[in-house]
Amino acid sequence: MTTTSDPELALRQTGWPGLRSRLFHLYFLLRRPMTLGVRGLIHDRGSDSVFLIRHTYVPGWQLPGGGVETGETLVEALARELAEEGNIALIAPPVLRSMHFNSRSSKRDHVGLYLIEGFSQTAPKLPDHEIAEAAFFPLDNLPEATTPATLRRIAEVFHGEKPSPYW
């Protein structure tokens, strides 16, 4: 019996059982595909403010984030999206606060919400083809056009509201 430093490899199926397992995964991917996204609730404790973005293609202010790409972890996707949409870099691990079914997007979309309090912004985010505006807003003075889902996530994290299973 050979030993391996990776315990997952010791349990990996090979031969027909492994092929059968991969075929089942392919079948379920084709039959029941699911999309996964992440959003970041970036909280500046010093100013008690949160970072919001306004896209060029949908109305309202919302939390930055986006889809998880193939081969990417949720945290890797979050870090990529924060850099793209806000010039924000993680300097401490984000905290997964909740998972939500986003039925407004599709019947198969789920979103992980992360609280980020350890971050740096390398430069203010300037408008581009995707982001019309991006800024920090005090929790007690959010923009009027903040999306309902964003307001719900803020209430759940900062005001003790029970997290909804829906985005």
N, C-alpha and C. Protein backbone atom coordinates (compact mmCIF):
# COMPACT_ATOMS: atom_id res chain seq x y z
N MET A 1 0.85 -1.18 0.00
CA MET A 1 0.00 0.00 0.00
C MET A 1 0.89 1.24 0.00
N THR A 2 0.60 2.17 -0.89
CA THR A 2 1.39 3.39 -0.94
C THR A 2 0.74 4.45 -0.08
N THR A 3 1.57 5.29 0.46
CA THR A 3 1.07 6.40 1.27
C THR A 3 1.19 7.67 0.46
N THR A 4 0.35 8.61 0.77
CA THR A 4 0.36 9.89 0.08
C THR A 4 0.20 11.00 1.10
N SER A 5 0.76 12.15 0.78
CA SER A 5 0.63 13.28 1.70
C SER A 5 -0.73 13.97 1.56
N ASP A 6 -1.44 13.67 0.49
CA ASP A 6 -2.76 14.26 0.28
C ASP A 6 -3.83 13.21 0.59
N PRO A 7 -4.52 13.34 1.73
CA PRO A 7 -5.52 12.33 2.08
C PRO A 7 -6.67 12.23 1.07
N GLU A 8 -6.94 13.28 0.34
CA GLU A 8 -8.00 13.23 -0.67
C GLU A 8 -7.63 12.28 -1.81
N LEU A 9 -6.36 12.25 -2.17
CA LEU A 9 -5.92 11.36 -3.25
C LEU A 9 -6.08 9.90 -2.86
N ALA A 10 -5.89 9.61 -1.57
CA ALA A 10 -6.03 8.23 -1.11
C ALA A 10 -7.45 7.72 -1.28
N LEU A 11 -8.43 8.61 -1.32
CA LEU A 11 -9.83 8.22 -1.43
C LEU A 11 -10.39 8.39 -2.84
N ARG A 12 -9.58 8.87 -3.76
CA ARG A 12 -10.04 9.09 -5.13
C ARG A 12 -10.28 7.77 -5.83
N GLN A 13 -11.44 7.66 -6.48
CA GLN A 13 -11.77 6.44 -7.21
C GLN A 13 -11.07 6.44 -8.55
N THR A 14 -10.60 5.25 -8.93
CA THR A 14 -9.95 5.11 -10.23
C THR A 14 -10.67 4.01 -11.00
N GLY A 15 -10.25 3.78 -12.23
CA GLY A 15 -10.86 2.74 -13.05
C GLY A 15 -12.32 3.04 -13.34
N TRP A 16 -13.12 1.96 -13.51
CA TRP A 16 -14.53 2.10 -13.83
C TRP A 16 -15.30 2.92 -12.78
N PRO A 17 -15.12 2.68 -11.45
CA PRO A 17 -15.85 3.49 -10.46
C PRO A 17 -15.55 4.98 -10.59
N GLY A 18 -14.30 5.31 -10.86
CA GLY A 18 -13.94 6.73 -11.03
C GLY A 18 -14.54 7.33 -12.28
N LEU A 19 -14.50 6.57 -13.38
CA LEU A 19 -15.10 7.04 -14.63
C LEU A 19 -16.61 7.20 -14.46
N ARG A 20 -17.24 6.20 -13.83
CA ARG A 20 -18.68 6.28 -13.59
C ARG A 20 -19.04 7.51 -12.75
N SER A 21 -18.23 7.78 -11.74
CA SER A 21 -18.47 8.96 -10.89
C SER A 21 -18.38 10.24 -11.72
N ARG A 22 -17.36 10.34 -12.58
CA ARG A 22 -17.21 11.54 -13.41
C ARG A 22 -18.36 11.67 -14.40
N LEU A 23 -18.83 10.54 -14.95
CA LEU A 23 -19.98 10.57 -15.87
C LEU A 23 -21.25 11.05 -15.16
N PHE A 24 -21.46 10.59 -13.93
CA PHE A 24 -22.62 11.07 -13.16
C PHE A 24 -22.52 12.57 -12.93
N HIS A 25 -21.32 13.07 -12.60
CA HIS A 25 -21.15 14.51 -12.39
C HIS A 25 -21.44 15.28 -13.68
N LEU A 26 -20.98 14.75 -14.82
CA LEU A 26 -21.26 15.39 -16.10
C LEU A 26 -22.76 15.41 -16.38
N TYR A 27 -23.43 14.28 -16.14
CA TYR A 27 -24.87 14.20 -16.34
C TYR A 27 -25.59 15.26 -15.49
N PHE A 28 -25.24 15.36 -14.22
CA PHE A 28 -25.91 16.32 -13.35
C PHE A 28 -25.58 17.76 -13.73
N LEU A 29 -24.37 17.99 -14.23
CA LEU A 29 -24.02 19.33 -14.70
C LEU A 29 -24.90 19.72 -15.88
N LEU A 30 -25.09 18.78 -16.82
CA LEU A 30 -25.91 19.07 -17.99
C LEU A 30 -27.40 19.12 -17.64
N ARG A 31 -27.81 18.27 -16.74
CA ARG A 31 -29.23 18.16 -16.38
C ARG A 31 -29.66 19.24 -15.38
N ARG A 32 -28.78 19.54 -14.44
CA ARG A 32 -29.13 20.49 -13.38
C ARG A 32 -27.99 21.47 -13.15
N PRO A 33 -27.64 22.29 -14.14
CA PRO A 33 -26.55 23.24 -13.93
C PRO A 33 -26.94 24.29 -12.89
N MET A 34 -25.97 24.73 -12.14
CA MET A 34 -26.20 25.73 -11.10
C MET A 34 -25.15 26.82 -11.24
N THR A 35 -25.54 28.04 -11.01
CA THR A 35 -24.57 29.11 -11.00
C THR A 35 -24.34 29.55 -9.57
N LEU A 36 -23.15 30.05 -9.32
CA LEU A 36 -22.74 30.45 -7.99
C LEU A 36 -22.08 31.82 -8.08
N GLY A 37 -22.46 32.68 -7.17
CA GLY A 37 -21.88 34.01 -7.14
C GLY A 37 -21.46 34.40 -5.74
N VAL A 38 -20.75 35.50 -5.66
CA VAL A 38 -20.32 36.05 -4.37
C VAL A 38 -20.59 37.54 -4.35
N ARG A 39 -20.86 38.05 -3.17
CA ARG A 39 -20.98 39.50 -2.95
C ARG A 39 -20.19 39.84 -1.70
N GLY A 40 -19.62 41.03 -1.71
CA GLY A 40 -18.84 41.48 -0.57
C GLY A 40 -19.48 42.66 0.12
N LEU A 41 -19.69 42.54 1.40
CA LEU A 41 -20.17 43.65 2.24
C LEU A 41 -18.94 44.23 2.91
N ILE A 42 -18.38 45.26 2.28
CA ILE A 42 -17.13 45.86 2.73
C ILE A 42 -17.46 46.95 3.74
N HIS A 43 -17.00 46.75 4.97
CA HIS A 43 -17.34 47.66 6.08
C HIS A 43 -16.08 48.35 6.57
N ASP A 44 -16.09 49.67 6.50
CA ASP A 44 -15.01 50.48 7.06
C ASP A 44 -15.44 50.85 8.48
N ARG A 45 -14.86 50.17 9.46
CA ARG A 45 -15.24 50.42 10.86
C ARG A 45 -14.99 51.85 11.30
N GLY A 46 -13.90 52.44 10.82
CA GLY A 46 -13.54 53.80 11.23
C GLY A 46 -14.60 54.82 10.90
N SER A 47 -15.18 54.71 9.72
CA SER A 47 -16.22 55.66 9.30
C SER A 47 -17.61 55.06 9.37
N ASP A 48 -17.72 53.80 9.81
CA ASP A 48 -18.98 53.06 9.84
C ASP A 48 -19.72 53.19 8.51
N SER A 49 -18.97 52.89 7.45
CA SER A 49 -19.52 53.01 6.11
C SER A 49 -19.34 51.70 5.35
N VAL A 50 -20.11 51.55 4.27
CA VAL A 50 -20.03 50.37 3.41
C VAL A 50 -19.78 50.82 1.97
N PHE A 51 -19.12 49.93 1.23
CA PHE A 51 -18.78 50.20 -0.15
C PHE A 51 -19.88 49.68 -1.06
N LEU A 52 -20.41 50.55 -1.91
CA LEU A 52 -21.46 50.17 -2.87
C LEU A 52 -21.04 50.58 -4.27
N ILE A 53 -21.59 49.86 -5.23
CA ILE A 53 -21.33 50.17 -6.64
C ILE A 53 -22.65 50.38 -7.37
N ARG A 54 -22.56 51.10 -8.48
CA ARG A 54 -23.70 51.26 -9.37
C ARG A 54 -23.22 50.85 -10.76
N HIS A 55 -23.84 49.79 -11.30
CA HIS A 55 -23.46 49.29 -12.62
C HIS A 55 -23.99 50.21 -13.73
N THR A 56 -23.41 50.05 -14.90
CA THR A 56 -23.88 50.80 -16.07
C THR A 56 -25.09 50.14 -16.71
N TYR A 57 -25.35 48.87 -16.38
CA TYR A 57 -26.38 48.11 -17.09
C TYR A 57 -27.58 47.69 -16.25
N VAL A 58 -27.56 47.94 -14.94
CA VAL A 58 -28.73 47.68 -14.09
C VAL A 58 -28.88 48.85 -13.12
N PRO A 59 -30.10 49.16 -12.71
CA PRO A 59 -30.30 50.29 -11.82
C PRO A 59 -29.96 49.96 -10.36
N GLY A 60 -29.65 50.99 -9.61
CA GLY A 60 -29.50 50.87 -8.17
C GLY A 60 -28.08 50.64 -7.69
N TRP A 61 -27.88 51.01 -6.42
CA TRP A 61 -26.61 50.78 -5.74
C TRP A 61 -26.64 49.41 -5.10
N GLN A 62 -25.54 48.68 -5.23
CA GLN A 62 -25.50 47.33 -4.69
C GLN A 62 -24.10 46.95 -4.22
N LEU A 63 -24.02 45.79 -3.62
CA LEU A 63 -22.75 45.27 -3.14
C LEU A 63 -21.92 44.77 -4.32
N PRO A 64 -20.61 44.96 -4.28
CA PRO A 64 -19.78 44.43 -5.37
C PRO A 64 -19.73 42.91 -5.33
N GLY A 65 -19.54 42.33 -6.49
CA GLY A 65 -19.41 40.87 -6.58
C GLY A 65 -19.73 40.39 -7.97
N GLY A 66 -19.76 39.07 -8.09
CA GLY A 66 -20.05 38.49 -9.40
C GLY A 66 -19.96 36.98 -9.35
N GLY A 67 -19.85 36.38 -10.50
CA GLY A 67 -19.88 34.93 -10.62
C GLY A 67 -18.57 34.26 -10.28
N VAL A 68 -18.68 33.04 -9.78
CA VAL A 68 -17.52 32.21 -9.50
C VAL A 68 -17.21 31.44 -10.79
N GLU A 69 -15.99 31.58 -11.26
CA GLU A 69 -15.58 30.92 -12.50
C GLU A 69 -15.17 29.48 -12.23
N THR A 70 -15.17 28.67 -13.25
CA THR A 70 -14.73 27.28 -13.15
C THR A 70 -13.31 27.23 -12.60
N GLY A 71 -13.08 26.38 -11.61
CA GLY A 71 -11.76 26.22 -11.03
C GLY A 71 -11.40 27.27 -9.99
N GLU A 72 -12.32 28.13 -9.64
CA GLU A 72 -12.08 29.23 -8.72
C GLU A 72 -12.81 28.97 -7.41
N THR A 73 -12.19 29.28 -6.29
CA THR A 73 -12.89 29.20 -5.00
C THR A 73 -13.75 30.43 -4.83
N LEU A 74 -14.66 30.38 -3.87
CA LEU A 74 -15.49 31.55 -3.60
C LEU A 74 -14.63 32.75 -3.21
N VAL A 75 -13.63 32.53 -2.37
CA VAL A 75 -12.78 33.65 -1.92
C VAL A 75 -11.94 34.19 -3.07
N GLU A 76 -11.46 33.31 -3.95
CA GLU A 76 -10.72 33.79 -5.12
C GLU A 76 -11.62 34.64 -6.02
N ALA A 77 -12.85 34.20 -6.22
CA ALA A 77 -13.79 34.98 -7.04
C ALA A 77 -14.08 36.32 -6.37
N LEU A 78 -14.27 36.30 -5.06
CA LEU A 78 -14.54 37.54 -4.32
C LEU A 78 -13.37 38.51 -4.48
N ALA A 79 -12.16 38.03 -4.28
CA ALA A 79 -10.98 38.90 -4.40
C ALA A 79 -10.88 39.49 -5.80
N ARG A 80 -11.13 38.67 -6.82
CA ARG A 80 -11.08 39.15 -8.21
C ARG A 80 -12.12 40.23 -8.46
N GLU A 81 -13.36 39.95 -8.03
CA GLU A 81 -14.45 40.91 -8.25
C GLU A 81 -14.22 42.23 -7.50
N LEU A 82 -13.72 42.15 -6.27
CA LEU A 82 -13.46 43.37 -5.50
C LEU A 82 -12.37 44.21 -6.17
N ALA A 83 -11.35 43.56 -6.70
CA ALA A 83 -10.29 44.28 -7.41
C ALA A 83 -10.84 44.94 -8.67
N GLU A 84 -11.66 44.20 -9.42
CA GLU A 84 -12.22 44.72 -10.67
C GLU A 84 -13.21 45.85 -10.43
N GLU A 85 -14.07 45.69 -9.44
CA GLU A 85 -15.17 46.64 -9.26
C GLU A 85 -14.90 47.75 -8.26
N GLY A 86 -13.80 47.65 -7.50
CA GLY A 86 -13.57 48.69 -6.51
C GLY A 86 -12.13 49.00 -6.19
N ASN A 87 -11.18 48.38 -6.90
CA ASN A 87 -9.76 48.52 -6.56
C ASN A 87 -9.51 48.15 -5.10
N ILE A 88 -10.21 47.15 -4.63
CA ILE A 88 -10.13 46.74 -3.23
C ILE A 88 -9.39 45.41 -3.14
N ALA A 89 -8.43 45.37 -2.21
CA ALA A 89 -7.65 44.16 -1.96
C ALA A 89 -7.95 43.66 -0.55
N LEU A 90 -8.10 42.35 -0.43
CA LEU A 90 -8.31 41.74 0.88
C LEU A 90 -6.98 41.71 1.63
N ILE A 91 -6.99 42.15 2.91
CA ILE A 91 -5.78 42.05 3.72
C ILE A 91 -6.02 41.15 4.94
N ALA A 92 -7.24 40.64 5.06
CA ALA A 92 -7.60 39.66 6.09
C ALA A 92 -8.66 38.76 5.48
N PRO A 93 -8.78 37.55 5.99
CA PRO A 93 -9.79 36.65 5.41
C PRO A 93 -11.21 37.21 5.56
N PRO A 94 -11.99 37.15 4.49
CA PRO A 94 -13.39 37.57 4.59
C PRO A 94 -14.17 36.51 5.38
N VAL A 95 -15.31 36.93 5.94
CA VAL A 95 -16.13 36.02 6.74
C VAL A 95 -17.42 35.73 5.98
N LEU A 96 -17.65 34.44 5.68
CA LEU A 96 -18.89 34.05 5.01
C LEU A 96 -20.03 34.23 6.01
N ARG A 97 -20.97 35.11 5.69
CA ARG A 97 -22.08 35.40 6.60
C ARG A 97 -23.35 34.64 6.26
N SER A 98 -23.60 34.41 4.96
CA SER A 98 -24.84 33.74 4.58
C SER A 98 -24.78 33.29 3.13
N MET A 99 -25.67 32.34 2.81
CA MET A 99 -25.85 31.87 1.44
C MET A 99 -27.31 32.11 1.07
N HIS A 100 -27.54 32.49 -0.18
CA HIS A 100 -28.89 32.87 -0.61
C HIS A 100 -29.21 32.29 -1.98
N PHE A 101 -30.46 31.90 -2.16
CA PHE A 101 -30.98 31.48 -3.45
C PHE A 101 -31.45 32.74 -4.16
N ASN A 102 -30.90 32.99 -5.35
CA ASN A 102 -31.22 34.19 -6.10
C ASN A 102 -32.21 33.84 -7.21
N SER A 103 -33.46 33.63 -6.83
CA SER A 103 -34.47 33.19 -7.80
C SER A 103 -34.79 34.25 -8.83
N ARG A 104 -34.48 35.49 -8.57
CA ARG A 104 -34.73 36.55 -9.56
C ARG A 104 -33.77 36.44 -10.74
N SER A 105 -32.62 35.84 -10.49
CA SER A 105 -31.63 35.67 -11.55
C SER A 105 -31.92 34.41 -12.37
N SER A 106 -32.13 33.28 -11.66
CA SER A 106 -32.48 32.04 -12.34
C SER A 106 -32.95 31.04 -11.29
N LYS A 107 -33.39 29.88 -11.76
CA LYS A 107 -33.83 28.83 -10.85
C LYS A 107 -32.65 28.09 -10.23
N ARG A 108 -31.44 28.43 -10.62
CA ARG A 108 -30.26 27.70 -10.18
C ARG A 108 -29.15 28.61 -9.64
N ASP A 109 -29.45 29.84 -9.31
CA ASP A 109 -28.42 30.78 -8.90
C ASP A 109 -28.36 30.91 -7.38
N HIS A 110 -27.16 30.81 -6.83
CA HIS A 110 -26.94 30.98 -5.41
C HIS A 110 -25.82 31.99 -5.20
N VAL A 111 -25.91 32.74 -4.09
CA VAL A 111 -24.95 33.80 -3.81
C VAL A 111 -24.45 33.67 -2.38
N GLY A 112 -23.13 33.71 -2.23
CA GLY A 112 -22.52 33.74 -0.91
C GLY A 112 -22.20 35.17 -0.53
N LEU A 113 -22.61 35.57 0.66
CA LEU A 113 -22.34 36.93 1.15
C LEU A 113 -21.19 36.89 2.15
N TYR A 114 -20.17 37.68 1.88
CA TYR A 114 -19.01 37.78 2.75
C TYR A 114 -18.94 39.16 3.39
N LEU A 115 -18.59 39.18 4.67
CA LEU A 115 -18.30 40.44 5.37
C LEU A 115 -16.80 40.65 5.31
N ILE A 116 -16.40 41.84 4.86
CA ILE A 116 -14.99 42.18 4.71
C ILE A 116 -14.71 43.41 5.56
N GLU A 117 -13.83 43.25 6.53
CA GLU A 117 -13.42 44.39 7.34
C GLU A 117 -11.91 44.60 7.28
N GLY A 118 -11.19 43.65 6.74
CA GLY A 118 -9.75 43.79 6.52
C GLY A 118 -9.47 43.96 5.05
N PHE A 119 -9.29 45.20 4.61
CA PHE A 119 -9.13 45.49 3.18
C PHE A 119 -8.32 46.76 3.01
N SER A 120 -7.86 46.97 1.80
CA SER A 120 -7.28 48.26 1.42
C SER A 120 -7.82 48.61 0.03
N GLN A 121 -7.96 49.89 -0.20
CA GLN A 121 -8.37 50.34 -1.53
C GLN A 121 -7.16 51.00 -2.16
N THR A 122 -6.67 50.42 -3.24
CA THR A 122 -5.44 50.89 -3.86
C THR A 122 -5.60 52.26 -4.52
N ALA A 123 -6.81 52.56 -4.98
CA ALA A 123 -7.12 53.86 -5.59
C ALA A 123 -8.63 53.96 -5.68
N PRO A 124 -9.18 55.16 -5.70
CA PRO A 124 -10.63 55.27 -5.90
C PRO A 124 -11.02 54.63 -7.22
N LYS A 125 -12.18 54.01 -7.26
CA LYS A 125 -12.65 53.36 -8.48
C LYS A 125 -13.23 54.41 -9.41
N LEU A 126 -12.66 54.52 -10.58
CA LEU A 126 -13.17 55.45 -11.59
C LEU A 126 -14.19 54.75 -12.46
N PRO A 127 -15.12 55.50 -13.03
CA PRO A 127 -16.13 54.88 -13.92
C PRO A 127 -15.46 54.17 -15.10
N ASP A 128 -16.08 53.07 -15.52
CA ASP A 128 -15.63 52.35 -16.71
C ASP A 128 -16.84 51.76 -17.41
N HIS A 129 -16.64 50.82 -18.32
CA HIS A 129 -17.75 50.25 -19.10
C HIS A 129 -18.73 49.47 -18.23
N GLU A 130 -18.32 48.99 -17.06
CA GLU A 130 -19.18 48.18 -16.20
C GLU A 130 -19.68 48.95 -14.97
N ILE A 131 -18.80 49.74 -14.36
CA ILE A 131 -19.12 50.44 -13.11
C ILE A 131 -19.30 51.93 -13.39
N ALA A 132 -20.52 52.41 -13.15
CA ALA A 132 -20.81 53.83 -13.36
C ALA A 132 -20.28 54.66 -12.19
N GLU A 133 -20.47 54.15 -10.97
CA GLU A 133 -20.02 54.84 -9.75
C GLU A 133 -19.70 53.80 -8.69
N ALA A 134 -18.79 54.18 -7.78
CA ALA A 134 -18.44 53.34 -6.65
C ALA A 134 -17.99 54.26 -5.52
N ALA A 135 -18.49 53.98 -4.30
CA ALA A 135 -18.14 54.85 -3.18
C ALA A 135 -18.49 54.18 -1.86
N PHE A 136 -17.91 54.73 -0.79
CA PHE A 136 -18.29 54.33 0.56
C PHE A 136 -19.41 55.25 1.03
N PHE A 137 -20.40 54.66 1.71
CA PHE A 137 -21.53 55.41 2.23
C PHE A 137 -21.72 55.09 3.71
N PRO A 138 -21.96 56.10 4.56
CA PRO A 138 -22.24 55.82 5.96
C PRO A 138 -23.49 54.94 6.08
N LEU A 139 -23.46 54.00 7.03
CA LEU A 139 -24.60 53.10 7.20
C LEU A 139 -25.90 53.85 7.48
N ASP A 140 -25.81 55.02 8.09
CA ASP A 140 -27.02 55.78 8.39
C ASP A 140 -27.38 56.78 7.28
N ASN A 141 -26.70 56.69 6.14
CA ASN A 141 -26.99 57.60 5.04
C ASN A 141 -26.70 56.92 3.69
N LEU A 142 -27.37 55.79 3.46
CA LEU A 142 -27.19 55.06 2.20
C LEU A 142 -27.92 55.78 1.07
N PRO A 143 -27.47 55.60 -0.16
CA PRO A 143 -28.15 56.25 -1.29
C PRO A 143 -29.60 55.79 -1.41
N GLU A 144 -30.45 56.70 -1.86
CA GLU A 144 -31.87 56.41 -2.02
C GLU A 144 -32.13 55.22 -2.95
N ALA A 145 -31.28 55.06 -3.94
CA ALA A 145 -31.48 54.00 -4.94
C ALA A 145 -30.75 52.70 -4.57
N THR A 146 -30.49 52.47 -3.29
CA THR A 146 -29.88 51.21 -2.87
C THR A 146 -30.90 50.09 -3.09
N THR A 147 -30.46 48.99 -3.68
CA THR A 147 -31.38 47.91 -4.02
C THR A 147 -31.95 47.26 -2.75
N PRO A 148 -33.17 46.74 -2.85
CA PRO A 148 -33.78 46.07 -1.69
C PRO A 148 -32.93 44.91 -1.15
N ALA A 149 -32.32 44.12 -2.04
CA ALA A 149 -31.49 43.01 -1.59
C ALA A 149 -30.28 43.51 -0.80
N THR A 150 -29.70 44.60 -1.24
CA THR A 150 -28.56 45.19 -0.53
C THR A 150 -28.99 45.68 0.85
N LEU A 151 -30.14 46.33 0.91
CA LEU A 151 -30.65 46.79 2.21
C LEU A 151 -30.94 45.62 3.14
N ARG A 152 -31.45 44.52 2.60
CA ARG A 152 -31.71 43.33 3.43
C ARG A 152 -30.42 42.74 3.98
N ARG A 153 -29.38 42.64 3.14
CA ARG A 153 -28.11 42.08 3.61
C ARG A 153 -27.49 42.97 4.69
N ILE A 154 -27.58 44.27 4.53
CA ILE A 154 -27.04 45.20 5.53
C ILE A 154 -27.80 45.06 6.84
N ALA A 155 -29.12 44.94 6.76
CA ALA A 155 -29.94 44.78 7.97
C ALA A 155 -29.63 43.46 8.67
N GLU A 156 -29.38 42.42 7.90
CA GLU A 156 -29.07 41.12 8.48
C GLU A 156 -27.73 41.14 9.21
N VAL A 157 -26.75 41.79 8.62
CA VAL A 157 -25.41 41.80 9.21
C VAL A 157 -25.29 42.82 10.35
N PHE A 158 -25.84 44.01 10.18
CA PHE A 158 -25.60 45.07 11.15
C PHE A 158 -26.75 45.34 12.12
N HIS A 159 -27.95 44.86 11.80
CA HIS A 159 -29.10 45.15 12.67
C HIS A 159 -29.76 43.91 13.23
N GLY A 160 -29.10 42.76 13.08
CA GLY A 160 -29.59 41.53 13.68
C GLY A 160 -30.82 40.91 13.06
N GLU A 161 -31.17 41.34 11.84
CA GLU A 161 -32.31 40.72 11.15
C GLU A 161 -31.96 39.28 10.82
N LYS A 162 -32.95 38.41 10.83
CA LYS A 162 -32.73 37.01 10.49
C LYS A 162 -32.39 36.91 9.00
N PRO A 163 -31.29 36.22 8.67
CA PRO A 163 -30.94 36.10 7.24
C PRO A 163 -32.03 35.35 6.45
N SER A 164 -32.39 35.90 5.32
CA SER A 164 -33.34 35.27 4.43
C SER A 164 -32.61 34.23 3.59
N PRO A 165 -33.27 33.12 3.27
CA PRO A 165 -32.64 32.17 2.36
C PRO A 165 -32.63 32.68 0.92
N TYR A 166 -33.36 33.75 0.66
CA TYR A 166 -33.47 34.32 -0.69
C TYR A 166 -32.67 35.61 -0.78
N TRP A 167 -32.08 35.84 -1.96
CA TRP A 167 -31.31 37.06 -2.15
C TRP A 167 -32.25 38.25 -2.17
